[in-house]
Amino acid sequence: MKKLDCGSVDCTQVVSQLWDYLDGELTEERMRDIQTHLTACAGCFPHFDFERAFLKALAATRKEDRMPGVLRARIMEKLREAGCEGLTSP
């Protein structure tokens, strides 16, 4: 990948941190640096756009309730009985 001068981070760094960026797992400063780079870099923006669309499509396929409430309650009760702390019911 060709490195372009698009701010304080280079293309390789931006592309390698896109998932963390999209998940909001970077420092505020790093998030700003990557945003600045993406705004200016025609080479990195398509990578960002694809990964963002991928995550959006993935999220759309998830179901809200993965198990019946009764089953969840039974599992949570068993975990509490086993000594797991800090568990709350939804």
PDB file of N, CA and C in Angstrom:
ATOM      1  N   MET A   1       0.841  -1.162   0.000  1.00  0.00           N
ATOM      2  CA  MET A   1       0.000   0.000   0.000  1.00  0.00           C
ATOM      3  C   MET A   1       0.893   1.234   0.000  1.00  0.00           C
ATOM      4  N   LYS A   2       0.593   2.146  -0.857  1.00  0.00           N
ATOM      5  CA  LYS A   2       1.368   3.374  -0.962  1.00  0.00           C
ATOM      6  C   LYS A   2       1.088   4.271   0.244  1.00  0.00           C
ATOM      7  N   LYS A   3       2.153   4.787   0.841  1.00  0.00           N
ATOM      8  CA  LYS A   3       2.000   5.673   1.990  1.00  0.00           C
ATOM      9  C   LYS A   3       1.813   7.096   1.504  1.00  0.00           C
ATOM     10  N   LEU A   4       0.770   7.731   1.994  1.00  0.00           N
ATOM     11  CA  LEU A   4       0.472   9.108   1.635  1.00  0.00           C
ATOM     12  C   LEU A   4       0.641   9.995   2.857  1.00  0.00           C
ATOM     13  N   ASP A   5       0.871  11.272   2.644  1.00  0.00           N
ATOM     14  CA  ASP A   5       0.985  12.208   3.752  1.00  0.00           C
ATOM     15  C   ASP A   5      -0.405  12.765   4.056  1.00  0.00           C
ATOM     16  N   CYS A   6      -1.092  12.116   4.962  1.00  0.00           N
ATOM     17  CA  CYS A   6      -2.463  12.516   5.308  1.00  0.00           C
ATOM     18  C   CYS A   6      -2.600  12.689   6.811  1.00  0.00           C
ATOM     19  N   GLY A   7      -1.699  13.386   7.416  1.00  0.00           N
ATOM     20  CA  GLY A   7      -1.782  13.612   8.854  1.00  0.00           C
ATOM     21  C   GLY A   7      -0.666  12.914   9.593  1.00  0.00           C
ATOM     22  N   SER A   8      -0.861  12.761  10.908  1.00  0.00           N
ATOM     23  CA  SER A   8       0.196  12.232  11.771  1.00  0.00           C
ATOM     24  C   SER A   8       0.307  10.710  11.752  1.00  0.00           C
ATOM     25  N   VAL A   9      -0.612  10.020  11.112  1.00  0.00           N
ATOM     26  CA  VAL A   9      -0.527   8.565  10.993  1.00  0.00           C
ATOM     27  C   VAL A   9      -0.471   8.193   9.521  1.00  0.00           C
ATOM     28  N   ASP A  10       0.248   7.124   9.214  1.00  0.00           N
ATOM     29  CA  ASP A  10       0.344   6.727   7.806  1.00  0.00           C
ATOM     30  C   ASP A  10      -0.713   5.685   7.467  1.00  0.00           C
ATOM     31  N   CYS A  11      -0.822   5.390   6.199  1.00  0.00           N
ATOM     32  CA  CYS A  11      -1.856   4.484   5.697  1.00  0.00           C
ATOM     33  C   CYS A  11      -1.788   3.101   6.350  1.00  0.00           C
ATOM     34  N   THR A  12      -0.594   2.570   6.515  1.00  0.00           N
ATOM     35  CA  THR A  12      -0.450   1.247   7.109  1.00  0.00           C
ATOM     36  C   THR A  12      -1.007   1.236   8.526  1.00  0.00           C
ATOM     37  N   GLN A  13      -0.699   2.268   9.295  1.00  0.00           N
ATOM     38  CA  GLN A  13      -1.214   2.361  10.664  1.00  0.00           C
ATOM     39  C   GLN A  13      -2.735   2.484  10.679  1.00  0.00           C
ATOM     40  N   VAL A  14      -3.256   3.295   9.798  1.00  0.00           N
ATOM     41  CA  VAL A  14      -4.707   3.506   9.754  1.00  0.00           C
ATOM     42  C   VAL A  14      -5.428   2.209   9.415  1.00  0.00           C
ATOM     43  N   VAL A  15      -5.015   1.550   8.355  1.00  0.00           N
ATOM     44  CA  VAL A  15      -5.691   0.325   7.935  1.00  0.00           C
ATOM     45  C   VAL A  15      -5.586  -0.755   9.017  1.00  0.00           C
ATOM     46  N   SER A  16      -4.454  -0.828   9.700  1.00  0.00           N
ATOM     47  CA  SER A  16      -4.295  -1.854  10.733  1.00  0.00           C
ATOM     48  C   SER A  16      -5.138  -1.563  11.975  1.00  0.00           C
ATOM     49  N   GLN A  17      -5.600  -0.319  12.129  1.00  0.00           N
ATOM     50  CA  GLN A  17      -6.393   0.031  13.314  1.00  0.00           C
ATOM     51  C   GLN A  17      -7.854   0.346  12.988  1.00  0.00           C
ATOM     52  N   LEU A  18      -8.292   0.033  11.788  1.00  0.00           N
ATOM     53  CA  LEU A  18      -9.664   0.365  11.412  1.00  0.00           C
ATOM     54  C   LEU A  18     -10.706  -0.332  12.277  1.00  0.00           C
ATOM     55  N   TRP A  19     -10.528  -1.606  12.591  1.00  0.00           N
ATOM     56  CA  TRP A  19     -11.516  -2.313  13.417  1.00  0.00           C
ATOM     57  C   TRP A  19     -11.608  -1.656  14.790  1.00  0.00           C
ATOM     58  N   ASP A  20     -10.456  -1.342  15.386  1.00  0.00           N
ATOM     59  CA  ASP A  20     -10.455  -0.669  16.688  1.00  0.00           C
ATOM     60  C   ASP A  20     -11.097   0.708  16.586  1.00  0.00           C
ATOM     61  N   TYR A  21     -10.838   1.401  15.494  1.00  0.00           N
ATOM     62  CA  TYR A  21     -11.439   2.717  15.263  1.00  0.00           C
ATOM     63  C   TYR A  21     -12.965   2.599  15.170  1.00  0.00           C
ATOM     64  N   LEU A  22     -13.431   1.662  14.381  1.00  0.00           N
ATOM     65  CA  LEU A  22     -14.869   1.483  14.205  1.00  0.00           C
ATOM     66  C   LEU A  22     -15.552   1.036  15.495  1.00  0.00           C
ATOM     67  N   ASP A  23     -14.834   0.322  16.334  1.00  0.00           N
ATOM     68  CA  ASP A  23     -15.383  -0.111  17.621  1.00  0.00           C
ATOM     69  C   ASP A  23     -15.234   0.950  18.705  1.00  0.00           C
ATOM     70  N   GLY A  24     -14.561   2.060  18.384  1.00  0.00           N
ATOM     71  CA  GLY A  24     -14.365   3.130  19.351  1.00  0.00           C
ATOM     72  C   GLY A  24     -13.427   2.756  20.479  1.00  0.00           C
ATOM     73  N   GLU A  25     -12.461   1.879  20.195  1.00  0.00           N
ATOM     74  CA  GLU A  25     -11.569   1.356  21.222  1.00  0.00           C
ATOM     75  C   GLU A  25     -10.218   2.062  21.292  1.00  0.00           C
ATOM     76  N   LEU A  26     -10.074   3.162  20.602  1.00  0.00           N
ATOM     77  CA  LEU A  26      -8.812   3.903  20.609  1.00  0.00           C
ATOM     78  C   LEU A  26      -8.949   5.135  21.500  1.00  0.00           C
ATOM     79  N   THR A  27      -7.809   5.722  21.836  1.00  0.00           N
ATOM     80  CA  THR A  27      -7.857   6.962  22.608  1.00  0.00           C
ATOM     81  C   THR A  27      -8.523   8.048  21.770  1.00  0.00           C
ATOM     82  N   GLU A  28      -9.014   9.078  22.448  1.00  0.00           N
ATOM     83  CA  GLU A  28      -9.650  10.183  21.719  1.00  0.00           C
ATOM     84  C   GLU A  28      -8.691  10.801  20.716  1.00  0.00           C
ATOM     85  N   GLU A  29      -7.433  10.939  21.115  1.00  0.00           N
ATOM     86  CA  GLU A  29      -6.440  11.530  20.220  1.00  0.00           C
ATOM     87  C   GLU A  29      -6.232  10.660  18.986  1.00  0.00           C
ATOM     88  N   ARG A  30      -6.136   9.345  19.194  1.00  0.00           N
ATOM     89  CA  ARG A  30      -5.922   8.436  18.067  1.00  0.00           C
ATOM     90  C   ARG A  30      -7.151   8.405  17.163  1.00  0.00           C
ATOM     91  N   MET A  31      -8.338   8.456  17.758  1.00  0.00           N
ATOM     92  CA  MET A  31      -9.569   8.496  16.962  1.00  0.00           C
ATOM     93  C   MET A  31      -9.568   9.729  16.065  1.00  0.00           C
ATOM     94  N   ARG A  32      -9.169  10.883  16.620  1.00  0.00           N
ATOM     95  CA  ARG A  32      -9.107  12.121  15.829  1.00  0.00           C
ATOM     96  C   ARG A  32      -8.067  12.010  14.716  1.00  0.00           C
ATOM     97  N   ASP A  33      -6.902  11.444  15.044  1.00  0.00           N
ATOM     98  CA  ASP A  33      -5.844  11.298  14.036  1.00  0.00           C
ATOM     99  C   ASP A  33      -6.309  10.438  12.861  1.00  0.00           C
ATOM    100  N   ILE A  34      -6.973   9.349  13.181  1.00  0.00           N
ATOM    101  CA  ILE A  34      -7.443   8.457  12.116  1.00  0.00           C
ATOM    102  C   ILE A  34      -8.565   9.111  11.329  1.00  0.00           C
ATOM    103  N   GLN A  35      -9.471   9.803  12.014  1.00  0.00           N
ATOM    104  CA  GLN A  35     -10.543  10.517  11.311  1.00  0.00           C
ATOM    105  C   GLN A  35      -9.965  11.543  10.347  1.00  0.00           C
ATOM    106  N   THR A  36      -8.965  12.288  10.796  1.00  0.00           N
ATOM    107  CA  THR A  36      -8.305  13.280   9.945  1.00  0.00           C
ATOM    108  C   THR A  36      -7.691  12.609   8.719  1.00  0.00           C
ATOM    109  N   HIS A  37      -7.035  11.487   8.944  1.00  0.00           N
ATOM    110  CA  HIS A  37      -6.402  10.757   7.854  1.00  0.00           C
ATOM    111  C   HIS A  37      -7.459  10.267   6.861  1.00  0.00           C
ATOM    112  N   LEU A  38      -8.526   9.670   7.372  1.00  0.00           N
ATOM    113  CA  LEU A  38      -9.567   9.135   6.488  1.00  0.00           C
ATOM    114  C   LEU A  38     -10.234  10.231   5.655  1.00  0.00           C
ATOM    115  N   THR A  39     -10.374  11.399   6.239  1.00  0.00           N
ATOM    116  CA  THR A  39     -10.974  12.518   5.516  1.00  0.00           C
ATOM    117  C   THR A  39     -10.114  12.946   4.333  1.00  0.00           C
ATOM    118  N   ALA A  40      -8.790  12.827   4.499  1.00  0.00           N
ATOM    119  CA  ALA A  40      -7.863  13.317   3.474  1.00  0.00           C
ATOM    120  C   ALA A  40      -7.358  12.238   2.517  1.00  0.00           C
ATOM    121  N   CYS A  41      -7.497  10.968   2.878  1.00  0.00           N
ATOM    122  CA  CYS A  41      -6.839   9.903   2.115  1.00  0.00           C
ATOM    123  C   CYS A  41      -7.812   9.090   1.266  1.00  0.00           C
ATOM    124  N   ALA A  42      -7.708   9.262  -0.030  1.00  0.00           N
ATOM    125  CA  ALA A  42      -8.561   8.516  -0.961  1.00  0.00           C
ATOM    126  C   ALA A  42      -8.181   7.040  -1.009  1.00  0.00           C
ATOM    127  N   GLY A  43      -6.972   6.690  -0.572  1.00  0.00           N
ATOM    128  CA  GLY A  43      -6.537   5.297  -0.577  1.00  0.00           C
ATOM    129  C   GLY A  43      -7.081   4.501   0.592  1.00  0.00           C
ATOM    130  N   CYS A  44      -7.239   5.136   1.751  1.00  0.00           N
ATOM    131  CA  CYS A  44      -7.699   4.433   2.952  1.00  0.00           C
ATOM    132  C   CYS A  44      -9.214   4.447   3.111  1.00  0.00           C
ATOM    133  N   PHE A  45      -9.853   5.489   2.594  1.00  0.00           N
ATOM    134  CA  PHE A  45     -11.293   5.596   2.803  1.00  0.00           C
ATOM    135  C   PHE A  45     -12.073   4.383   2.299  1.00  0.00           C
ATOM    136  N   PRO A  46     -11.748   3.804   1.136  1.00  0.00           N
ATOM    137  CA  PRO A  46     -12.487   2.609   0.700  1.00  0.00           C
ATOM    138  C   PRO A  46     -12.367   1.432   1.685  1.00  0.00           C
ATOM    139  N   HIS A  47     -11.210   1.282   2.317  1.00  0.00           N
ATOM    140  CA  HIS A  47     -11.053   0.233   3.329  1.00  0.00           C
ATOM    141  C   HIS A  47     -11.996   0.498   4.506  1.00  0.00           C
ATOM    142  N   PHE A  48     -12.001   1.745   4.955  1.00  0.00           N
ATOM    143  CA  PHE A  48     -12.878   2.141   6.046  1.00  0.00           C
ATOM    144  C   PHE A  48     -14.342   1.926   5.662  1.00  0.00           C
ATOM    145  N   ASP A  49     -14.723   2.358   4.493  1.00  0.00           N
ATOM    146  CA  ASP A  49     -16.107   2.252   4.036  1.00  0.00           C
ATOM    147  C   ASP A  49     -16.551   0.799   3.961  1.00  0.00           C
ATOM    148  N   PHE A  50     -15.680  -0.083   3.459  1.00  0.00           N
ATOM    149  CA  PHE A  50     -16.003  -1.512   3.389  1.00  0.00           C
ATOM    150  C   PHE A  50     -16.184  -2.094   4.786  1.00  0.00           C
ATOM    151  N   GLU A  51     -15.238  -1.828   5.683  1.00  0.00           N
ATOM    152  CA  GLU A  51     -15.298  -2.408   7.023  1.00  0.00           C
ATOM    153  C   GLU A  51     -16.509  -1.882   7.794  1.00  0.00           C
ATOM    154  N   ARG A  52     -16.831  -0.617   7.614  1.00  0.00           N
ATOM    155  CA  ARG A  52     -18.024  -0.048   8.255  1.00  0.00           C
ATOM    156  C   ARG A  52     -19.282  -0.731   7.725  1.00  0.00           C
ATOM    157  N   ALA A  53     -19.378  -0.920   6.417  1.00  0.00           N
ATOM    158  CA  ALA A  53     -20.537  -1.588   5.814  1.00  0.00           C
ATOM    159  C   ALA A  53     -20.627  -3.041   6.269  1.00  0.00           C
ATOM    160  N   PHE A  54     -19.487  -3.706   6.385  1.00  0.00           N
ATOM    161  CA  PHE A  54     -19.450  -5.086   6.852  1.00  0.00           C
ATOM    162  C   PHE A  54     -20.014  -5.182   8.265  1.00  0.00           C
ATOM    163  N   LEU A  55     -19.564  -4.312   9.163  1.00  0.00           N
ATOM    164  CA  LEU A  55     -20.047  -4.338  10.545  1.00  0.00           C
ATOM    165  C   LEU A  55     -21.536  -4.026  10.614  1.00  0.00           C
ATOM    166  N   LYS A  56     -21.993  -3.109   9.774  1.00  0.00           N
ATOM    167  CA  LYS A  56     -23.414  -2.771   9.747  1.00  0.00           C
ATOM    168  C   LYS A  56     -24.243  -3.976   9.285  1.00  0.00           C
ATOM    169  N   ALA A  57     -23.765  -4.666   8.253  1.00  0.00           N
ATOM    170  CA  ALA A  57     -24.479  -5.849   7.754  1.00  0.00           C
ATOM    171  C   ALA A  57     -24.463  -6.966   8.790  1.00  0.00           C
ATOM    172  N   LEU A  58     -23.355  -7.132   9.460  1.00  0.00           N
ATOM    173  CA  LEU A  58     -23.245  -8.152  10.503  1.00  0.00           C
ATOM    174  C   LEU A  58     -24.211  -7.853  11.641  1.00  0.00           C
ATOM    175  N   ALA A  59     -24.275  -6.611  12.066  1.00  0.00           N
ATOM    176  CA  ALA A  59     -25.180  -6.219  13.148  1.00  0.00           C
ATOM    177  C   ALA A  59     -26.638  -6.450  12.753  1.00  0.00           C
ATOM    178  N   ALA A  60     -26.952  -6.262  11.492  1.00  0.00           N
ATOM    179  CA  ALA A  60     -28.331  -6.436  11.032  1.00  0.00           C
ATOM    180  C   ALA A  60     -28.774  -7.892  11.062  1.00  0.00           C
ATOM    181  N   THR A  61     -27.827  -8.819  11.090  1.00  0.00           N
ATOM    182  CA  THR A  61     -28.192 -10.238  11.092  1.00  0.00           C
ATOM    183  C   THR A  61     -28.375 -10.799  12.496  1.00  0.00           C
ATOM    184  N   ARG A  62     -27.958 -10.036  13.510  1.00  0.00           N
ATOM    185  CA  ARG A  62     -28.076 -10.516  14.895  1.00  0.00           C
ATOM    186  C   ARG A  62     -29.518 -10.465  15.360  1.00  0.00           C
ATOM    187  N   LYS A  63     -29.865 -11.431  16.173  1.00  0.00           N
ATOM    188  CA  LYS A  63     -31.169 -11.441  16.802  1.00  0.00           C
ATOM    189  C   LYS A  63     -31.042 -10.799  18.180  1.00  0.00           C
ATOM    190  N   GLU A  64     -32.076 -10.092  18.581  1.00  0.00           N
ATOM    191  CA  GLU A  64     -32.078  -9.466  19.909  1.00  0.00           C
ATOM    192  C   GLU A  64     -32.011 -10.527  21.001  1.00  0.00           C
ATOM    193  N   ASP A  65     -32.960 -11.443  20.991  1.00  0.00           N
ATOM    194  CA  ASP A  65     -33.026 -12.472  22.020  1.00  0.00           C
ATOM    195  C   ASP A  65     -32.449 -13.763  21.473  1.00  0.00           C
ATOM    196  N   ARG A  66     -31.351 -14.158  22.036  1.00  0.00           N
ATOM    197  CA  ARG A  66     -30.694 -15.369  21.550  1.00  0.00           C
ATOM    198  C   ARG A  66     -31.217 -16.614  22.248  1.00  0.00           C
ATOM    199  N   MET A  67     -31.830 -16.425  23.416  1.00  0.00           N
ATOM    200  CA  MET A  67     -32.396 -17.559  24.129  1.00  0.00           C
ATOM    201  C   MET A  67     -33.649 -17.090  24.851  1.00  0.00           C
ATOM    202  N   PRO A  68     -34.549 -18.030  25.124  1.00  0.00           N
ATOM    203  CA  PRO A  68     -35.761 -17.651  25.867  1.00  0.00           C
ATOM    204  C   PRO A  68     -35.389 -17.115  27.249  1.00  0.00           C
ATOM    205  N   GLY A  69     -36.189 -16.185  27.754  1.00  0.00           N
ATOM    206  CA  GLY A  69     -35.934 -15.584  29.061  1.00  0.00           C
ATOM    207  C   GLY A  69     -35.871 -16.590  30.192  1.00  0.00           C
ATOM    208  N   VAL A  70     -36.718 -17.626  30.113  1.00  0.00           N
ATOM    209  CA  VAL A  70     -36.733 -18.649  31.157  1.00  0.00           C
ATOM    210  C   VAL A  70     -35.394 -19.384  31.198  1.00  0.00           C
ATOM    211  N   LEU A  71     -34.873 -19.726  30.046  1.00  0.00           N
ATOM    212  CA  LEU A  71     -33.581 -20.412  29.986  1.00  0.00           C
ATOM    213  C   LEU A  71     -32.473 -19.510  30.518  1.00  0.00           C
ATOM    214  N   ARG A  72     -32.489 -18.251  30.115  1.00  0.00           N
ATOM    215  CA  ARG A  72     -31.485 -17.298  30.607  1.00  0.00           C
ATOM    216  C   ARG A  72     -31.539 -17.195  32.129  1.00  0.00           C
ATOM    217  N   ALA A  73     -32.739 -17.098  32.688  1.00  0.00           N
ATOM    218  CA  ALA A  73     -32.896 -16.997  34.142  1.00  0.00           C
ATOM    219  C   ALA A  73     -32.340 -18.235  34.846  1.00  0.00           C
ATOM    220  N   ARG A  74     -32.605 -19.412  34.295  1.00  0.00           N
ATOM    221  CA  ARG A  74     -32.087 -20.650  34.903  1.00  0.00           C
ATOM    222  C   ARG A  74     -30.570 -20.682  34.869  1.00  0.00           C
ATOM    223  N   ILE A  75     -29.987 -20.273  33.750  1.00  0.00           N
ATOM    224  CA  ILE A  75     -28.527 -20.264  33.625  1.00  0.00           C
ATOM    225  C   ILE A  75     -27.923 -19.266  34.610  1.00  0.00           C
ATOM    226  N   MET A  76     -28.499 -18.082  34.681  1.00  0.00           N
ATOM    227  CA  MET A  76     -27.991 -17.066  35.603  1.00  0.00           C
ATOM    228  C   MET A  76     -28.078 -17.557  37.053  1.00  0.00           C
ATOM    229  N   GLU A  77     -29.175 -18.214  37.404  1.00  0.00           N
ATOM    230  CA  GLU A  77     -29.342 -18.750  38.764  1.00  0.00           C
ATOM    231  C   GLU A  77     -28.252 -19.783  39.070  1.00  0.00           C
ATOM    232  N   LYS A  78     -27.997 -20.663  38.128  1.00  0.00           N
ATOM    233  CA  LYS A  78     -26.960 -21.700  38.327  1.00  0.00           C
ATOM    234  C   LYS A  78     -25.574 -21.067  38.466  1.00  0.00           C
ATOM    235  N   LEU A  79     -25.309 -20.037  37.693  1.00  0.00           N
ATOM    236  CA  LEU A  79     -24.018 -19.354  37.792  1.00  0.00           C
ATOM    237  C   LEU A  79     -23.862 -18.686  39.159  1.00  0.00           C
ATOM    238  N   ARG A  80     -24.938 -18.062  39.649  1.00  0.00           N
ATOM    239  CA  ARG A  80     -24.872 -17.443  40.978  1.00  0.00           C
ATOM    240  C   ARG A  80     -24.647 -18.501  42.054  1.00  0.00           C
ATOM    241  N   GLU A  81     -25.350 -19.635  41.934  1.00  0.00           N
ATOM    242  CA  GLU A  81     -25.165 -20.730  42.883  1.00  0.00           C
ATOM    243  C   GLU A  81     -23.745 -21.260  42.870  1.00  0.00           C
ATOM    244  N   ALA A  82     -23.107 -21.196  41.704  1.00  0.00           N
ATOM    245  CA  ALA A  82     -21.738 -21.679  41.569  1.00  0.00           C
ATOM    246  C   ALA A  82     -20.725 -20.658  42.091  1.00  0.00           C
ATOM    247  N   GLY A  83     -21.198 -19.487  42.520  1.00  0.00           N
ATOM    248  CA  GLY A  83     -20.303 -18.511  43.105  1.00  0.00           C
ATOM    249  C   GLY A  83     -19.878 -17.378  42.189  1.00  0.00           C
ATOM    250  N   CYS A  84     -20.463 -17.300  41.019  1.00  0.00           N
ATOM    251  CA  CYS A  84     -20.138 -16.182  40.128  1.00  0.00           C
ATOM    252  C   CYS A  84     -20.782 -14.923  40.684  1.00  0.00           C
ATOM    253  N   GLU A  85     -19.986 -13.890  40.876  1.00  0.00           N
ATOM    254  CA  GLU A  85     -20.478 -12.644  41.466  1.00  0.00           C
ATOM    255  C   GLU A  85     -20.719 -11.603  40.406  1.00  0.00           C
ATOM    256  N   GLY A  86     -21.553 -10.632  40.751  1.00  0.00           N
ATOM    257  CA  GLY A  86     -21.775  -9.486  39.876  1.00  0.00           C
ATOM    258  C   GLY A  86     -22.719  -9.761  38.720  1.00  0.00           C
ATOM    259  N   LEU A  87     -23.443 -10.881  38.781  1.00  0.00           N
ATOM    260  CA  LEU A  87     -24.371 -11.200  37.689  1.00  0.00           C
ATOM    261  C   LEU A  87     -25.723 -10.596  37.991  1.00  0.00           C
ATOM    262  N   THR A  88     -26.306  -9.967  36.991  1.00  0.00           N
ATOM    263  CA  THR A  88     -27.648  -9.403  37.133  1.00  0.00           C
ATOM    264  C   THR A  88     -28.531  -9.928  36.037  1.00  0.00           C
ATOM    265  N   SER A  89     -29.791  -9.972  36.298  1.00  0.00           N
ATOM    266  CA  SER A  89     -30.749 -10.382  35.273  1.00  0.00           C
ATOM    267  C   SER A  89     -31.081  -9.179  34.417  1.00  0.00           C
ATOM    268  N   PRO A  90     -31.424  -9.422  33.151  1.00  0.00           N
ATOM    269  CA  PRO A  90     -31.749  -8.302  32.258  1.00  0.00           C
ATOM    270  C   PRO A  90     -33.008  -7.586  32.674  1.00  0.00           C
TER     271      PRO A  90
END
